[in-house]
PDB file of all heavy atoms in Angstrom:
ATOM      1  N   ARG A   1     102.405  82.528 114.130  1.00  0.00           N
ATOM      2  CA  ARG A   1     102.322  81.292 113.346  1.00  0.00           C
ATOM      3  C   ARG A   1     101.581  81.488 112.021  1.00  0.00           C
ATOM      4  O   ARG A   1     101.914  80.870 111.012  1.00  0.00           O
ATOM      5  CB  ARG A   1     101.612  80.213 114.171  1.00  0.00           C
ATOM      6  CG  ARG A   1     101.425  78.899 113.430  1.00  0.00           C
ATOM      7  CD  ARG A   1     100.718  77.860 114.293  1.00  0.00           C
ATOM      8  NE  ARG A   1     100.470  76.651 113.535  1.00  0.00           N
ATOM      9  CZ  ARG A   1      99.416  76.457 112.748  1.00  0.00           C
ATOM     10  NH1 ARG A   1      98.529  77.415 112.614  1.00  0.00           N
ATOM     11  NH2 ARG A   1      99.268  75.313 112.110  1.00  0.00           N
ATOM     12  N   GLY A   2     100.548  82.310 112.020  1.00  0.00           N
ATOM     13  CA  GLY A   2      99.703  82.447 110.844  1.00  0.00           C
ATOM     14  C   GLY A   2      98.476  81.554 110.934  1.00  0.00           C
ATOM     15  O   GLY A   2      98.232  80.890 111.945  1.00  0.00           O
ATOM     16  N   VAL A   3      97.683  81.526 109.877  1.00  0.00           N
ATOM     17  CA  VAL A   3      96.417  80.802 109.876  1.00  0.00           C
ATOM     18  C   VAL A   3      96.499  79.562 108.996  1.00  0.00           C
ATOM     19  O   VAL A   3      97.246  79.512 108.023  1.00  0.00           O
ATOM     20  CB  VAL A   3      95.259  81.711 109.402  1.00  0.00           C
ATOM     21  CG1 VAL A   3      95.121  82.912 110.340  1.00  0.00           C
ATOM     22  CG2 VAL A   3      95.459  82.183 107.971  1.00  0.00           C
ATOM     23  N   ASP A   4      95.711  78.565 109.352  1.00  0.00           N
ATOM     24  CA  ASP A   4      95.716  77.309 108.603  1.00  0.00           C
ATOM     25  C   ASP A   4      94.941  77.407 107.302  1.00  0.00           C
ATOM     26  O   ASP A   4      95.321  76.828 106.281  1.00  0.00           O
ATOM     27  CB  ASP A   4      95.122  76.187 109.469  1.00  0.00           C
ATOM     28  CG  ASP A   4      95.901  75.972 110.733  1.00  0.00           C
ATOM     29  OD1 ASP A   4      97.040  75.468 110.642  1.00  0.00           O
ATOM     30  OD2 ASP A   4      95.397  76.326 111.823  1.00  0.00           O
ATOM     31  N   VAL A   5      93.813  78.120 107.338  1.00  0.00           N
ATOM     32  CA  VAL A   5      92.952  78.233 106.152  1.00  0.00           C
ATOM     33  C   VAL A   5      92.534  79.689 105.993  1.00  0.00           C
ATOM     34  O   VAL A   5      92.187  80.358 106.964  1.00  0.00           O
ATOM     35  CB  VAL A   5      91.695  77.333 106.278  1.00  0.00           C
ATOM     36  CG1 VAL A   5      90.761  77.546 105.081  1.00  0.00           C
ATOM     37  CG2 VAL A   5      92.095  75.860 106.376  1.00  0.00           C
ATOM     38  N   VAL A   6      92.576  80.174 104.755  1.00  0.00           N
ATOM     39  CA  VAL A   6      92.059  81.499 104.400  1.00  0.00           C
ATOM     40  C   VAL A   6      90.885  81.308 103.461  1.00  0.00           C
ATOM     41  O   VAL A   6      90.972  80.543 102.487  1.00  0.00           O
ATOM     42  CB  VAL A   6      93.121  82.372 103.721  1.00  0.00           C
ATOM     43  CG1 VAL A   6      92.525  83.733 103.335  1.00  0.00           C
ATOM     44  CG2 VAL A   6      94.338  82.562 104.601  1.00  0.00           C
ATOM     45  N   TYR A   7      89.790  82.013 103.732  1.00  0.00           N
ATOM     46  CA  TYR A   7      88.605  81.975 102.873  1.00  0.00           C
ATOM     47  C   TYR A   7      88.476  83.359 102.250  1.00  0.00           C
ATOM     48  O   TYR A   7      88.184  84.331 102.938  1.00  0.00           O
ATOM     49  CB  TYR A   7      87.376  81.622 103.711  1.00  0.00           C
ATOM     50  CG  TYR A   7      86.136  81.305 102.928  1.00  0.00           C
ATOM     51  CD1 TYR A   7      85.945  80.044 102.362  1.00  0.00           C
ATOM     52  CD2 TYR A   7      85.125  82.253 102.760  1.00  0.00           C
ATOM     53  CE1 TYR A   7      84.793  79.737 101.665  1.00  0.00           C
ATOM     54  CE2 TYR A   7      83.972  81.955 102.059  1.00  0.00           C
ATOM     55  CZ  TYR A   7      83.811  80.698 101.518  1.00  0.00           C
ATOM     56  OH  TYR A   7      82.652  80.395 100.821  1.00  0.00           O
ATOM     57  N   ASP A   8      88.699  83.453 100.930  1.00  0.00           N
ATOM     58  CA  ASP A   8      88.833  84.751 100.289  1.00  0.00           C
ATOM     59  C   ASP A   8      87.842  84.954  99.139  1.00  0.00           C
ATOM     60  O   ASP A   8      88.068  84.481  98.029  1.00  0.00           O
ATOM     61  CB  ASP A   8      90.260  84.927  99.766  1.00  0.00           C
ATOM     62  CG  ASP A   8      90.475  86.280  99.112  1.00  0.00           C
ATOM     63  OD1 ASP A   8      89.613  87.164  99.269  1.00  0.00           O
ATOM     64  OD2 ASP A   8      91.507  86.461  98.441  1.00  0.00           O
ATOM     65  N   PRO A   9      86.749  85.694  99.392  1.00  0.00           N
ATOM     66  CA  PRO A   9      85.842  86.068  98.311  1.00  0.00           C
ATOM     67  C   PRO A   9      86.138  87.446  97.729  1.00  0.00           C
ATOM     68  O   PRO A   9      85.341  87.978  96.966  1.00  0.00           O
ATOM     69  CB  PRO A   9      84.480  86.068  99.021  1.00  0.00           C
ATOM     70  CG  PRO A   9      84.791  86.486 100.419  1.00  0.00           C
ATOM     71  CD  PRO A   9      86.203  86.040 100.714  1.00  0.00           C
ATOM     72  N   VAL A  10      87.282  88.032  98.092  1.00  0.00           N
ATOM     73  CA  VAL A  10      87.573  89.430  97.767  1.00  0.00           C
ATOM     74  C   VAL A  10      88.618  89.571  96.673  1.00  0.00           C
ATOM     75  O   VAL A  10      88.466  90.343  95.724  1.00  0.00           O
ATOM     76  CB  VAL A  10      88.032  90.199  99.032  1.00  0.00           C
ATOM     77  CG1 VAL A  10      88.385  91.636  98.690  1.00  0.00           C
ATOM     78  CG2 VAL A  10      86.954  90.153 100.099  1.00  0.00           C
ATOM     79  N   GLY A  11      89.736  88.835  96.783  1.00  0.00           N
ATOM     80  CA  GLY A  11      90.817  88.982  95.821  1.00  0.00           C
ATOM     81  C   GLY A  11      91.596  90.270  96.045  1.00  0.00           C
ATOM     82  O   GLY A  11      91.537  90.879  97.108  1.00  0.00           O
ATOM     83  N   GLY A  12      92.348  90.699  95.035  1.00  0.00           N
ATOM     84  CA  GLY A  12      93.091  91.933  95.123  1.00  0.00           C
ATOM     85  C   GLY A  12      94.040  91.975  96.298  1.00  0.00           C
ATOM     86  O   GLY A  12      94.786  91.021  96.552  1.00  0.00           O
ATOM     87  N   ALA A  13      94.015  93.090  97.040  1.00  0.00           N
ATOM     88  CA  ALA A  13      94.906  93.272  98.180  1.00  0.00           C
ATOM     89  C   ALA A  13      94.666  92.228  99.266  1.00  0.00           C
ATOM     90  O   ALA A  13      95.596  91.840  99.983  1.00  0.00           O
ATOM     91  CB  ALA A  13      94.742  94.675  98.753  1.00  0.00           C
ATOM     92  N   ALA A  14      93.415  91.767  99.395  1.00  0.00           N
ATOM     93  CA  ALA A  14      93.111  90.750 100.409  1.00  0.00           C
ATOM     94  C   ALA A  14      93.884  89.474 100.136  1.00  0.00           C
ATOM     95  O   ALA A  14      94.378  88.825 101.068  1.00  0.00           O
ATOM     96  CB  ALA A  14      91.612  90.472 100.446  1.00  0.00           C
ATOM     97  N   TYR A  15      93.995  89.091  98.865  1.00  0.00           N
ATOM     98  CA  TYR A  15      94.756  87.880  98.534  1.00  0.00           C
ATOM     99  C   TYR A  15      96.228  88.058  98.887  1.00  0.00           C
ATOM    100  O   TYR A  15      96.857  87.145  99.439  1.00  0.00           O
ATOM    101  CB  TYR A  15      94.606  87.521  97.060  1.00  0.00           C
ATOM    102  CG  TYR A  15      95.453  86.326  96.693  1.00  0.00           C
ATOM    103  CD1 TYR A  15      94.974  85.045  96.924  1.00  0.00           C
ATOM    104  CD2 TYR A  15      96.731  86.478  96.183  1.00  0.00           C
ATOM    105  CE1 TYR A  15      95.767  83.934  96.643  1.00  0.00           C
ATOM    106  CE2 TYR A  15      97.523  85.384  95.898  1.00  0.00           C
ATOM    107  CZ  TYR A  15      97.042  84.118  96.131  1.00  0.00           C
ATOM    108  OH  TYR A  15      97.827  83.026  95.868  1.00  0.00           O
ATOM    109  N   THR A  16      96.781  89.224  98.592  1.00  0.00           N
ATOM    110  CA  THR A  16      98.179  89.485  98.926  1.00  0.00           C
ATOM    111  C   THR A  16      98.407  89.363 100.429  1.00  0.00           C
ATOM    112  O   THR A  16      99.395  88.769 100.884  1.00  0.00           O
ATOM    113  CB  THR A  16      98.590  90.879  98.442  1.00  0.00           C
ATOM    114  OG1 THR A  16      98.401  90.963  97.021  1.00  0.00           O
ATOM    115  CG2 THR A  16     100.055  91.154  98.760  1.00  0.00           C
ATOM    116  N   GLN A  17      97.491  89.908 101.221  1.00  0.00           N
ATOM    117  CA  GLN A  17      97.581  89.777 102.672  1.00  0.00           C
ATOM    118  C   GLN A  17      97.535  88.304 103.078  1.00  0.00           C
ATOM    119  O   GLN A  17      98.262  87.880 103.986  1.00  0.00           O
ATOM    120  CB  GLN A  17      96.443  90.544 103.334  1.00  0.00           C
ATOM    121  CG  GLN A  17      96.531  92.054 103.178  1.00  0.00           C
ATOM    122  CD  GLN A  17      95.239  92.758 103.511  1.00  0.00           C
ATOM    123  OE1 GLN A  17      94.203  92.125 103.707  1.00  0.00           O
ATOM    124  NE2 GLN A  17      95.288  94.077 103.593  1.00  0.00           N
ATOM    125  N   SER A  18      96.683  87.538 102.405  1.00  0.00           N
ATOM    126  CA  SER A  18      96.546  86.108 102.737  1.00  0.00           C
ATOM    127  C   SER A  18      97.863  85.371 102.593  1.00  0.00           C
ATOM    128  O   SER A  18      98.215  84.530 103.432  1.00  0.00           O
ATOM    129  CB  SER A  18      95.486  85.470 101.844  1.00  0.00           C
ATOM    130  OG  SER A  18      94.234  86.096 101.998  1.00  0.00           O
ATOM    131  N   THR A  19      98.600  85.672 101.541  1.00  0.00           N
ATOM    132  CA  THR A  19      99.869  84.971 101.324  1.00  0.00           C
ATOM    133  C   THR A  19     100.883  85.290 102.406  1.00  0.00           C
ATOM    134  O   THR A  19     101.801  84.509 102.643  1.00  0.00           O
ATOM    135  CB  THR A  19     100.469  85.339  99.952  1.00  0.00           C
ATOM    136  OG1 THR A  19     100.794  86.734  99.916  1.00  0.00           O
ATOM    137  CG2 THR A  19      99.497  85.009  98.831  1.00  0.00           C
ATOM    138  N   LYS A  20     100.724  86.436 103.068  1.00  0.00           N
ATOM    139  CA  LYS A  20     101.665  86.838 104.104  1.00  0.00           C
ATOM    140  C   LYS A  20     101.316  86.281 105.480  1.00  0.00           C
ATOM    141  O   LYS A  20     102.153  86.275 106.382  1.00  0.00           O
ATOM    142  CB  LYS A  20     101.729  88.369 104.173  1.00  0.00           C
ATOM    143  CG  LYS A  20     102.300  89.009 102.915  1.00  0.00           C
ATOM    144  CD  LYS A  20     102.321  90.516 103.020  1.00  0.00           C
ATOM    145  CE  LYS A  20     102.904  91.143 101.749  1.00  0.00           C
ATOM    146  NZ  LYS A  20     102.915  92.625 101.827  1.00  0.00           N
ATOM    147  N   VAL A  21     100.082  85.794 105.630  1.00  0.00           N
ATOM    148  CA  VAL A  21      99.661  85.299 106.957  1.00  0.00           C
ATOM    149  C   VAL A  21      99.322  83.820 106.964  1.00  0.00           C
ATOM    150  O   VAL A  21      99.040  83.247 108.020  1.00  0.00           O
ATOM    151  CB  VAL A  21      98.452  86.102 107.489  1.00  0.00           C
ATOM    152  CG1 VAL A  21      98.800  87.578 107.610  1.00  0.00           C
ATOM    153  CG2 VAL A  21      97.221  85.914 106.618  1.00  0.00           C
ATOM    154  N   VAL A  22      99.339  83.162 105.800  1.00  0.00           N
ATOM    155  CA  VAL A  22      99.031  81.737 105.784  1.00  0.00           C
ATOM    156  C   VAL A  22     100.189  80.953 106.395  1.00  0.00           C
ATOM    157  O   VAL A  22     101.364  81.245 106.162  1.00  0.00           O
ATOM    158  CB  VAL A  22      98.714  81.261 104.341  1.00  0.00           C
ATOM    159  CG1 VAL A  22      99.930  81.351 103.437  1.00  0.00           C
ATOM    160  CG2 VAL A  22      98.131  79.857 104.354  1.00  0.00           C
ATOM    161  N   ALA A  23      99.864  79.975 107.198  1.00  0.00           N
ATOM    162  CA  ALA A  23     100.872  79.187 107.896  1.00  0.00           C
ATOM    163  C   ALA A  23     101.504  78.146 106.973  1.00  0.00           C
ATOM    164  O   ALA A  23     101.023  77.880 105.865  1.00  0.00           O
ATOM    165  CB  ALA A  23     100.238  78.488 109.104  1.00  0.00           C
ATOM    166  N   PHE A  24     102.591  77.552 107.460  1.00  0.00           N
ATOM    167  CA  PHE A  24     103.218  76.431 106.761  1.00  0.00           C
ATOM    168  C   PHE A  24     102.184  75.338 106.531  1.00  0.00           C
ATOM    169  O   PHE A  24     101.460  74.945 107.451  1.00  0.00           O
ATOM    170  CB  PHE A  24     104.384  75.900 107.591  1.00  0.00           C
ATOM    171  CG  PHE A  24     105.132  74.774 106.951  1.00  0.00           C
ATOM    172  CD1 PHE A  24     106.075  75.022 105.957  1.00  0.00           C
ATOM    173  CD2 PHE A  24     104.919  73.460 107.337  1.00  0.00           C
ATOM    174  CE1 PHE A  24     106.786  73.989 105.369  1.00  0.00           C
ATOM    175  CE2 PHE A  24     105.616  72.421 106.763  1.00  0.00           C
ATOM    176  CZ  PHE A  24     106.552  72.682 105.766  1.00  0.00           C
ATOM    177  N   GLU A  25     102.089  74.871 105.289  1.00  0.00           N
ATOM    178  CA  GLU A  25     101.095  73.874 104.866  1.00  0.00           C
ATOM    179  C   GLU A  25      99.668  74.377 105.031  1.00  0.00           C
ATOM    180  O   GLU A  25      98.724  73.591 105.164  1.00  0.00           O
ATOM    181  CB  GLU A  25     101.289  72.530 105.585  1.00  0.00           C
ATOM    182  CG  GLU A  25     102.574  71.830 105.202  1.00  0.00           C
ATOM    183  CD  GLU A  25     102.607  70.376 105.636  1.00  0.00           C
ATOM    184  OE1 GLU A  25     101.981  70.039 106.651  1.00  0.00           O
ATOM    185  OE2 GLU A  25     103.282  69.586 104.936  1.00  0.00           O
ATOM    186  N   GLY A  26      99.491  75.689 104.994  1.00  0.00           N
ATOM    187  CA  GLY A  26      98.148  76.261 105.031  1.00  0.00           C
ATOM    188  C   GLY A  26      97.473  76.187 103.676  1.00  0.00           C
ATOM    189  O   GLY A  26      98.065  75.766 102.672  1.00  0.00           O
ATOM    190  N   ARG A  27      96.193  76.611 103.646  1.00  0.00           N
ATOM    191  CA  ARG A  27      95.411  76.537 102.408  1.00  0.00           C
ATOM    192  C   ARG A  27      94.681  77.857 102.209  1.00  0.00           C
ATOM    193  O   ARG A  27      94.012  78.347 103.126  1.00  0.00           O
ATOM    194  CB  ARG A  27      94.386  75.412 102.478  1.00  0.00           C
ATOM    195  CG  ARG A  27      94.988  74.024 102.525  1.00  0.00           C
ATOM    196  CD  ARG A  27      95.351  73.554 103.922  1.00  0.00           C
ATOM    197  NE  ARG A  27      94.212  73.095 104.702  1.00  0.00           N
ATOM    198  CZ  ARG A  27      94.224  72.956 106.029  1.00  0.00           C
ATOM    199  NH1 ARG A  27      95.322  73.257 106.737  1.00  0.00           N
ATOM    200  NH2 ARG A  27      93.149  72.514 106.655  1.00  0.00           N
ATOM    201  N   ILE A  28      94.792  78.423 101.020  1.00  0.00           N
ATOM    202  CA  ILE A  28      94.040  79.619 100.657  1.00  0.00           C
ATOM    203  C   ILE A  28      92.946  79.205  99.682  1.00  0.00           C
ATOM    204  O   ILE A  28      93.233  78.683  98.604  1.00  0.00           O
ATOM    205  CB  ILE A  28      94.952  80.681 100.005  1.00  0.00           C
ATOM    206  CG1 ILE A  28      96.066  81.115 100.962  1.00  0.00           C
ATOM    207  CG2 ILE A  28      94.128  81.891  99.565  1.00  0.00           C
ATOM    208  CD1 ILE A  28      97.083  82.063 100.335  1.00  0.00           C
ATOM    209  N   VAL A  29      91.695  79.425 100.077  1.00  0.00           N
ATOM    210  CA  VAL A  29      90.564  79.078  99.222  1.00  0.00           C
ATOM    211  C   VAL A  29      90.093  80.329  98.500  1.00  0.00           C
ATOM    212  O   VAL A  29      89.614  81.275  99.117  1.00  0.00           O
ATOM    213  CB  VAL A  29      89.401  78.468 100.038  1.00  0.00           C
ATOM    214  CG1 VAL A  29      88.288  78.017  99.101  1.00  0.00           C
ATOM    215  CG2 VAL A  29      89.891  77.304 100.885  1.00  0.00           C
ATOM    216  N   VAL A  30      90.226  80.335  97.186  1.00  0.00           N
ATOM    217  CA  VAL A  30      89.831  81.470  96.358  1.00  0.00           C
ATOM    218  C   VAL A  30      88.375  81.265  95.944  1.00  0.00           C
ATOM    219  O   VAL A  30      88.054  80.337  95.198  1.00  0.00           O
ATOM    220  CB  VAL A  30      90.739  81.577  95.115  1.00  0.00           C
ATOM    221  CG1 VAL A  30      90.290  82.735  94.231  1.00  0.00           C
ATOM    222  CG2 VAL A  30      92.195  81.753  95.539  1.00  0.00           C
ATOM    223  N   VAL A  31      87.503  82.156  96.433  1.00  0.00           N
ATOM    224  CA  VAL A  31      86.060  82.006  96.217  1.00  0.00           C
ATOM    225  C   VAL A  31      85.526  83.022  95.216  1.00  0.00           C
ATOM    226  O   VAL A  31      84.523  82.769  94.545  1.00  0.00           O
ATOM    227  CB  VAL A  31      85.301  82.132  97.564  1.00  0.00           C
ATOM    228  CG1 VAL A  31      83.822  81.881  97.385  1.00  0.00           C
ATOM    229  CG2 VAL A  31      85.872  81.168  98.589  1.00  0.00           C
ATOM    230  N   GLY A  32      86.154  84.198  95.131  1.00  0.00           N
ATOM    231  CA  GLY A  32      85.659  85.223  94.225  1.00  0.00           C
ATOM    232  C   GLY A  32      86.531  86.456  94.279  1.00  0.00           C
ATOM    233  O   GLY A  32      87.547  86.494  94.977  1.00  0.00           O
ATOM    234  N   PHE A  33      86.083  87.469  93.536  1.00  0.00           N
ATOM    235  CA  PHE A  33      86.895  88.685  93.392  1.00  0.00           C
ATOM    236  C   PHE A  33      86.010  89.917  93.530  1.00  0.00           C
ATOM    237  O   PHE A  33      85.887  90.735  92.614  1.00  0.00           O
ATOM    238  CB  PHE A  33      87.608  88.674  92.040  1.00  0.00           C
ATOM    239  CG  PHE A  33      88.312  87.366  91.750  1.00  0.00           C
ATOM    240  CD1 PHE A  33      87.770  86.459  90.860  1.00  0.00           C
ATOM    241  CD2 PHE A  33      89.485  87.036  92.420  1.00  0.00           C
ATOM    242  CE1 PHE A  33      88.393  85.248  90.604  1.00  0.00           C
ATOM    243  CE2 PHE A  33      90.120  85.822  92.177  1.00  0.00           C
ATOM    244  CZ  PHE A  33      89.570  84.918  91.272  1.00  0.00           C
ATOM    245  N   ALA A  34      85.389  90.052  94.710  1.00  0.00           N
ATOM    246  CA  ALA A  34      84.489  91.172  94.941  1.00  0.00           C
ATOM    247  C   ALA A  34      85.193  92.516  94.831  1.00  0.00           C
ATOM    248  O   ALA A  34      84.544  93.536  94.563  1.00  0.00           O
ATOM    249  CB  ALA A  34      83.833  91.035  96.318  1.00  0.00           C
TER     250      ALA A  34
END
């Protein structure tokens, strides 16, 4: 199914992974780019 919310302080490859696992109507929260 994927995840409802992603909390991402990393960016880069981590963000790309997030887009592949976020569920329908999920939310990706961009916090930073460590």
